[in-house]
Amino acid sequence: MNSAELKEKLREEAERSARAAQRRKAAQEQSRRQQKISEQTKKQLPPQSPVRKQREEELKRRQAQELKERKRRRRKRGSNVVYYIALGLIAFAIFAILSVTVLFNTEQIIIVGDSDYTAEEIIAASELKGDENLVRLNLSGTAEKILNKLVCLDRVKVEKAYPAAIRITVTRSVPMANFYYGGKNYVISHSGRVMRIGDDNEPCMNVLGYVPAESVIVGSFVYAEDEHQDELLSQLSVAIEAGGLSDKITAVNITDPIELKMTYDDRVEIYLGSILQIDQKIKIINELMDGGYIAETEKITLDISDPSRARQRPITSAVVTTPPPEDEEPEESGETTGEVTQE
């Protein structure tokens, strides 16, 4: 940039500064004039009228009164909360007192379920008087009292039925098996409870080879001296019931756990072997009996300790088609067949 250009640029900058100064000065002058006019106008206004002044004072009083009223309401709301809380506590205390004195008193005892006992016998065994207060009543141990006194019940449930009843739900003991021990015959239910002790057999499955762990009394739950016998008997009972043979199996022999036996309809003796694949073996029994392979009056011995091959006497020939056990692979033909043959 030469000297002439520099001078021209400086001159233009100076002119811009001068114009800006003039604009600021003019704005200041305009502001002074407006302020002067405003002051003169204010001096020329007439004095405020008494009515207008009274209205302004009244407005201020109303605003102050509204502010005071709002503060009072806030304080009142705070006191109301405390009042309501106190009232709620008093009401709760009154309700609690009434609940354990006047309200929720027992008016009836309801017996639900089927059993060999009358409602009066069950209520008497529970030792409930029928006038107890449900809030104060403790029912723990009541079901055990009933079970101890009424031996032909398998399960008992006692519960409060508000507002004024007690519900007792009972389940009848159903004979599952007999076992002979110490010169006596013991009848046990599906829950393993001793229903009766006597000389006569109940018309249900006889269990041979079962040895109880200790002295057995009516109403107690029986356990075997060898705990594996309880497990074997449980598995056999479940499989027999699931296979629909509860009314057909008249006896089981668990003396030897790897040579289990059962008797079907007092005429077919069945060798089961071990408890393994018991469901599969029950299916074979059903197919043989329902399929006509064994006559309804035929007395035979059937060996199904090997589920893939059933053997029986006297001479009979039949093919039993059964699905392969879950832990074995099927034959190449796609199915497993068990032949019923003579030994």
Protein backbone atom coordinates (compact mmCIF):
# COMPACT_ATOMS: atom_id res chain seq x y z
CA MET A 1 0.00 0.00 0.00
CA ASN A 2 1.47 3.41 -1.08
CA SER A 3 1.28 6.60 0.92
CA ALA A 4 -1.69 8.02 -1.02
CA GLU A 5 -3.83 4.97 -0.29
CA LEU A 6 -2.84 5.08 3.36
CA LYS A 7 -3.81 8.74 3.62
CA GLU A 8 -7.15 8.05 1.96
CA LYS A 9 -7.91 5.22 4.34
CA LEU A 10 -7.03 7.35 7.39
CA ARG A 11 -9.25 10.15 6.13
CA GLU A 12 -12.21 7.80 5.68
CA GLU A 13 -11.71 6.41 9.18
CA ALA A 14 -11.66 9.92 10.63
CA GLU A 15 -14.89 10.80 8.80
CA ARG A 16 -16.61 7.70 10.16
CA SER A 17 -15.53 8.59 13.70
CA ALA A 18 -16.80 12.14 13.29
CA ARG A 19 -20.17 10.93 12.02
CA ALA A 20 -20.49 8.50 14.93
CA ALA A 21 -19.70 11.27 17.41
CA GLN A 22 -22.34 13.48 15.82
CA ARG A 23 -24.96 10.69 16.09
CA ARG A 24 -24.17 10.16 19.75
CA LYS A 25 -24.39 13.89 20.43
CA ALA A 26 -27.72 14.12 18.61
CA ALA A 27 -29.11 11.18 20.57
CA GLN A 28 -28.06 12.73 23.86
CA GLU A 29 -29.65 16.02 22.89
CA GLN A 30 -32.88 14.25 21.93
CA SER A 31 -32.95 12.43 25.26
CA ARG A 32 -32.51 15.72 27.16
CA ARG A 33 -35.35 17.30 25.21
CA GLN A 34 -37.70 14.40 25.89
CA GLN A 35 -36.89 14.42 29.61
CA LYS A 36 -37.52 18.18 29.75
CA ILE A 37 -40.85 17.78 27.96
CA SER A 38 -41.87 14.99 30.37
CA GLU A 39 -41.07 17.13 33.41
CA GLN A 40 -43.02 20.05 32.00
CA THR A 41 -45.98 17.81 31.18
CA LYS A 42 -46.00 16.40 34.71
CA LYS A 43 -46.01 19.90 36.18
CA GLN A 44 -48.95 20.86 33.98
CA LEU A 45 -51.08 17.79 35.05
CA PRO A 46 -53.95 18.58 37.43
CA PRO A 47 -53.64 17.36 41.02
CA GLN A 48 -54.93 13.80 41.76
CA SER A 49 -58.65 13.72 42.60
CA PRO A 50 -59.80 12.49 46.07
CA VAL A 51 -61.94 9.77 44.48
CA ARG A 52 -59.00 8.32 42.54
CA LYS A 53 -56.80 8.46 45.62
CA GLN A 54 -59.47 6.66 47.68
CA ARG A 55 -59.76 3.96 45.04
CA GLU A 56 -56.01 3.37 45.04
CA GLU A 57 -55.99 3.13 48.84
CA GLU A 58 -58.93 0.71 48.77
CA LEU A 59 -57.13 -1.46 46.20
CA LYS A 60 -54.06 -1.58 48.41
CA ARG A 61 -56.17 -2.57 51.43
CA ARG A 62 -57.84 -5.37 49.45
CA GLN A 63 -54.48 -6.69 48.24
CA ALA A 64 -53.13 -6.65 51.79
CA GLN A 65 -56.28 -8.41 53.06
CA GLU A 66 -56.03 -11.10 50.34
CA LEU A 67 -52.40 -11.71 51.20
CA LYS A 68 -53.31 -12.04 54.87
CA GLU A 69 -56.16 -14.44 54.01
CA ARG A 70 -53.88 -16.65 51.91
CA LYS A 71 -51.41 -16.90 54.77
CA ARG A 72 -54.24 -17.78 57.17
CA ARG A 73 -55.51 -20.56 54.85
CA ARG A 74 -52.04 -22.03 54.56
CA ARG A 75 -51.72 -22.13 58.33
CA LYS A 76 -55.20 -23.69 58.59
CA ARG A 77 -54.36 -26.39 56.04
CA GLY A 78 -51.28 -27.29 58.05
CA SER A 79 -53.31 -27.58 61.23
CA ASN A 80 -55.98 -29.63 59.39
CA VAL A 81 -53.39 -32.23 58.35
CA VAL A 82 -52.38 -32.71 61.98
CA TYR A 83 -56.06 -32.89 62.92
CA TYR A 84 -56.84 -35.53 60.31
CA ILE A 85 -53.81 -37.62 61.31
CA ALA A 86 -54.87 -37.51 64.95
CA LEU A 87 -58.44 -38.38 63.99
CA GLY A 88 -57.20 -41.34 61.89
CA LEU A 89 -55.11 -42.66 64.78
CA ILE A 90 -58.06 -42.42 67.13
CA ALA A 91 -60.33 -44.21 64.62
CA PHE A 92 -57.75 -46.95 64.15
CA ALA A 93 -57.42 -47.44 67.88
CA ILE A 94 -61.19 -47.68 68.26
CA PHE A 95 -61.40 -50.20 65.37
CA ALA A 96 -58.59 -52.28 66.87
CA ILE A 97 -60.35 -52.41 70.23
CA LEU A 98 -63.66 -53.35 68.62
CA SER A 99 -61.94 -56.01 66.45
CA VAL A 100 -60.76 -57.95 69.47
CA THR A 101 -63.93 -57.48 71.50
CA VAL A 102 -67.13 -56.97 69.50
CA LEU A 103 -66.27 -57.47 65.83
CA PHE A 104 -65.02 -60.67 64.09
CA ASN A 105 -66.41 -63.09 66.66
CA THR A 106 -66.97 -66.61 65.37
CA GLU A 107 -70.55 -67.37 64.43
CA GLN A 108 -70.06 -70.70 62.64
CA ILE A 109 -67.50 -73.41 61.89
CA ILE A 110 -67.70 -74.63 58.29
CA ILE A 111 -66.62 -78.21 57.45
CA VAL A 112 -65.54 -78.72 53.83
CA GLY A 113 -64.68 -82.07 52.24
CA ASP A 114 -65.75 -85.68 52.46
CA SER A 115 -64.87 -87.93 55.39
CA ASP A 116 -66.15 -90.73 57.59
CA TYR A 117 -66.71 -88.30 60.45
CA THR A 118 -69.59 -85.98 61.23
CA ALA A 119 -69.12 -82.22 61.47
CA GLU A 120 -69.65 -82.44 65.23
CA GLU A 121 -66.85 -85.02 65.59
CA ILE A 122 -64.43 -82.88 63.58
CA ILE A 123 -65.29 -79.73 65.56
CA ALA A 124 -64.89 -81.61 68.84
CA ALA A 125 -61.48 -82.89 67.74
CA SER A 126 -60.40 -79.34 66.85
CA GLU A 127 -61.21 -78.17 70.43
CA LEU A 128 -62.74 -74.99 68.98
CA LYS A 129 -65.66 -73.60 70.98
CA GLY A 130 -67.26 -71.58 68.19
CA ASP A 131 -67.26 -68.24 70.04
CA GLU A 132 -63.63 -67.27 69.52
CA ASN A 133 -62.56 -63.86 68.27
CA LEU A 134 -60.88 -64.36 64.88
CA VAL A 135 -58.32 -61.60 65.44
CA ARG A 136 -57.07 -63.07 68.71
CA LEU A 137 -57.50 -66.72 67.69
CA ASN A 138 -54.31 -68.72 67.05
CA LEU A 139 -55.00 -71.71 64.79
CA SER A 140 -51.49 -73.14 64.76
CA GLY A 141 -51.61 -76.76 65.86
CA THR A 142 -55.37 -77.12 65.35
CA ALA A 143 -54.98 -79.24 62.22
CA GLU A 144 -52.54 -81.52 64.06
CA LYS A 145 -55.06 -81.99 66.88
CA ILE A 146 -57.70 -83.14 64.40
CA LEU A 147 -55.28 -85.49 62.61
CA ASN A 148 -54.15 -87.03 65.89
CA LYS A 149 -57.71 -87.80 66.98
CA LEU A 150 -59.33 -88.69 63.65
CA VAL A 151 -57.11 -91.30 62.07
CA CYS A 152 -59.16 -91.73 58.90
CA LEU A 153 -58.18 -88.31 57.60
CA ASP A 154 -55.11 -87.74 55.44
CA ARG A 155 -55.04 -83.94 55.37
CA VAL A 156 -56.65 -81.15 57.38
CA LYS A 157 -56.54 -77.41 56.74
CA VAL A 158 -57.94 -74.90 59.26
CA GLU A 159 -58.28 -71.23 58.30
CA LYS A 160 -60.14 -68.08 59.30
CA ALA A 161 -63.02 -67.04 57.05
CA TYR A 162 -63.67 -63.39 57.87
CA PRO A 163 -65.80 -61.79 59.08
CA ALA A 164 -67.29 -64.47 61.36
CA ALA A 165 -66.41 -68.07 60.43
CA ILE A 166 -63.73 -70.75 60.66
CA ARG A 167 -63.28 -73.14 57.72
CA ILE A 168 -61.97 -76.68 58.25
CA THR A 169 -61.13 -78.56 55.03
CA VAL A 170 -60.61 -82.32 55.39
CA THR A 171 -59.45 -85.06 53.05
CA ARG A 172 -60.58 -88.62 53.65
CA SER A 173 -57.94 -91.32 54.07
CA VAL A 174 -58.20 -93.86 51.24
CA PRO A 175 -56.66 -97.30 51.87
CA MET A 176 -53.71 -97.83 49.55
CA ALA A 177 -52.08 -100.98 50.90
CA ASN A 178 -51.93 -103.60 53.63
CA PHE A 179 -48.76 -104.93 55.15
CA TYR A 180 -48.40 -107.77 57.63
CA TYR A 181 -45.98 -107.32 60.51
CA GLY A 182 -45.66 -108.73 64.02
CA GLY A 183 -48.75 -110.90 63.70
CA LYS A 184 -51.00 -107.99 62.74
CA ASN A 185 -52.24 -106.54 59.49
CA TYR A 186 -51.73 -102.79 59.01
CA VAL A 187 -53.85 -100.68 56.63
CA ILE A 188 -52.07 -97.57 55.34
CA SER A 189 -53.45 -94.67 53.31
CA HIS A 190 -51.99 -92.95 50.25
CA SER A 191 -50.18 -90.51 52.53
CA GLY A 192 -48.55 -93.39 54.44
CA ARG A 193 -50.73 -93.05 57.52
CA VAL A 194 -51.84 -96.10 59.49
CA MET A 195 -55.64 -96.25 59.34
CA ARG A 196 -56.30 -99.54 61.09
CA ILE A 197 -54.49 -102.42 62.78
CA GLY A 198 -56.19 -105.78 62.95
CA ASP A 199 -56.48 -109.34 61.72
CA ASP A 200 -58.45 -108.73 58.53
CA ASN A 201 -57.10 -107.42 55.25
CA GLU A 202 -58.56 -104.33 53.60
CA PRO A 203 -59.61 -104.95 49.97
CA CYS A 204 -56.55 -103.19 48.58
CA MET A 205 -52.98 -104.00 47.57
CA ASN A 206 -51.00 -106.24 49.95
CA VAL A 207 -47.35 -105.28 50.48
CA LEU A 208 -45.02 -108.17 51.24
CA GLY A 209 -41.54 -107.77 52.70
CA TYR A 210 -42.17 -104.33 54.27
CA VAL A 211 -40.49 -103.85 57.67
CA PRO A 212 -41.43 -100.71 59.64
CA ALA A 213 -38.71 -98.77 61.43
CA GLU A 214 -40.38 -98.71 64.86
CA SER A 215 -43.57 -99.55 66.68
CA VAL A 216 -46.57 -98.60 64.58
CA ILE A 217 -49.74 -97.16 66.10
CA VAL A 218 -53.02 -96.11 64.55
CA GLY A 219 -52.85 -92.57 63.19
CA SER A 220 -49.08 -92.46 62.87
CA PHE A 221 -47.16 -92.18 59.62
CA VAL A 222 -45.23 -95.34 58.95
CA TYR A 223 -41.64 -95.46 57.68
CA ALA A 224 -39.60 -98.51 56.69
CA GLU A 225 -36.53 -99.69 58.54
CA ASP A 226 -34.78 -99.58 55.16
CA GLU A 227 -35.59 -96.16 53.70
CA HIS A 228 -35.19 -97.58 50.18
CA GLN A 229 -38.34 -99.65 50.75
CA ASP A 230 -40.36 -96.44 51.21
CA GLU A 231 -38.94 -95.10 47.96
CA LEU A 232 -39.64 -98.37 46.11
CA LEU A 233 -43.20 -98.53 47.40
CA SER A 234 -43.83 -94.92 46.47
CA GLN A 235 -42.55 -95.38 42.92
CA LEU A 236 -44.55 -98.58 42.48
CA SER A 237 -47.74 -96.95 43.80
CA VAL A 238 -47.37 -93.94 41.50
CA ALA A 239 -46.70 -96.13 38.45
CA ILE A 240 -49.61 -98.47 39.26
CA GLU A 241 -52.02 -95.55 39.74
CA ALA A 242 -50.80 -93.78 36.59
CA GLY A 243 -51.24 -97.01 34.61
CA GLY A 244 -54.82 -97.42 35.83
CA LEU A 245 -54.09 -100.69 37.66
CA SER A 246 -54.98 -99.59 41.21
CA ASP A 247 -58.01 -101.89 41.35
CA LYS A 248 -56.23 -104.81 39.66
CA ILE A 249 -52.91 -105.20 41.49
CA THR A 250 -53.69 -107.27 44.56
CA ALA A 251 -50.15 -107.68 45.93
CA VAL A 252 -46.57 -106.43 45.55
CA ASN A 253 -43.45 -108.02 46.99
CA ILE A 254 -40.55 -105.67 47.75
CA THR A 255 -38.46 -108.11 49.79
CA ASP A 256 -35.70 -108.09 47.15
CA PRO A 257 -35.30 -104.67 45.46
CA ILE A 258 -33.88 -106.27 42.28
CA GLU A 259 -36.52 -109.02 42.15
CA LEU A 260 -39.73 -107.08 42.62
CA LYS A 261 -42.97 -108.96 42.09
CA MET A 262 -46.65 -108.10 41.84
CA THR A 263 -49.88 -110.06 41.50
CA TYR A 264 -52.57 -109.08 39.05
CA ASP A 265 -56.16 -109.94 39.97
CA ASP A 266 -54.97 -112.76 42.31
CA ARG A 267 -54.12 -114.96 39.30
CA VAL A 268 -51.20 -113.48 37.30
CA GLU A 269 -47.87 -113.38 39.08
CA ILE A 270 -45.58 -110.79 37.49
CA TYR A 271 -41.80 -110.62 37.90
CA LEU A 272 -40.70 -106.99 37.48
CA GLY A 273 -37.00 -107.25 38.21
CA SER A 274 -35.75 -103.86 39.44
CA ILE A 275 -37.70 -100.59 39.58
CA LEU A 276 -35.95 -99.39 36.41
CA GLN A 277 -38.30 -98.68 33.47
CA ILE A 278 -41.30 -99.33 35.72
CA ASP A 279 -43.57 -97.16 33.59
CA GLN A 280 -42.61 -99.18 30.51
CA LYS A 281 -43.31 -102.43 32.34
CA ILE A 282 -46.74 -101.21 33.46
CA LYS A 283 -47.57 -100.38 29.83
CA ILE A 284 -46.65 -103.94 28.82
CA ILE A 285 -48.94 -105.34 31.53
CA ASN A 286 -51.80 -103.17 30.28
CA GLU A 287 -51.27 -104.22 26.67
CA LEU A 288 -51.13 -107.92 27.54
CA MET A 289 -54.26 -107.78 29.68
CA ASP A 290 -56.30 -105.48 27.47
CA GLY A 291 -55.11 -107.01 24.19
CA GLY A 292 -56.48 -110.45 24.92
CA TYR A 293 -53.10 -112.16 25.07
CA ILE A 294 -53.98 -113.48 28.52
CA ALA A 295 -57.44 -114.88 29.16
CA GLU A 296 -59.54 -113.33 31.89
CA THR A 297 -59.47 -116.51 33.96
CA GLU A 298 -55.96 -117.69 33.08
CA LYS A 299 -53.51 -118.21 35.94
CA ILE A 300 -49.93 -117.76 34.77
CA THR A 301 -46.53 -116.41 35.69
CA LEU A 302 -45.33 -113.44 33.64
CA ASP A 303 -41.73 -112.23 33.56
CA ILE A 304 -41.21 -108.68 32.24
CA SER A 305 -37.95 -107.92 34.01
CA ASP A 306 -36.63 -107.30 30.48
CA PRO A 307 -39.20 -104.93 28.91
CA SER A 308 -38.14 -105.90 25.39
CA ARG A 309 -39.04 -109.59 25.96
CA ALA A 310 -41.94 -110.84 28.06
CA ARG A 311 -42.07 -114.51 29.07
CA GLN A 312 -44.95 -116.49 30.47
CA ARG A 313 -46.28 -119.98 31.22
CA PRO A 314 -48.19 -121.98 29.99
CA ILE A 315 -47.39 -121.99 26.27
CA THR A 316 -48.76 -118.87 24.60
CA SER A 317 -47.50 -116.86 21.68
CA ALA A 318 -48.13 -113.20 21.04
CA VAL A 319 -46.21 -110.12 19.98
CA VAL A 320 -46.33 -107.08 22.22
CA THR A 321 -45.51 -103.79 20.50
CA THR A 322 -44.14 -101.22 22.92
CA PRO A 323 -42.25 -97.96 22.43
CA PRO A 324 -38.51 -98.12 23.27
CA PRO A 325 -37.42 -96.90 26.71
CA GLU A 326 -36.15 -93.32 26.81
CA ASP A 327 -32.58 -94.38 27.57
CA GLU A 328 -32.34 -96.94 24.76
CA GLU A 329 -32.11 -96.59 20.99
CA PRO A 330 -34.83 -98.26 18.85
CA GLU A 331 -33.99 -101.16 16.61
CA GLU A 332 -33.29 -100.64 12.91
CA SER A 333 -36.89 -101.53 12.03
CA GLY A 334 -38.03 -98.41 13.94
CA GLU A 335 -39.92 -100.22 16.75
CA THR A 336 -39.18 -102.52 19.68
CA THR A 337 -41.17 -105.72 19.96
CA GLY A 338 -41.44 -107.89 23.03
CA GLU A 339 -42.28 -111.51 22.36
CA VAL A 340 -44.43 -113.38 24.84
CA THR A 341 -43.06 -116.94 24.77
CA GLN A 342 -42.82 -120.02 26.88
CA GLU A 343 -39.70 -120.73 28.83
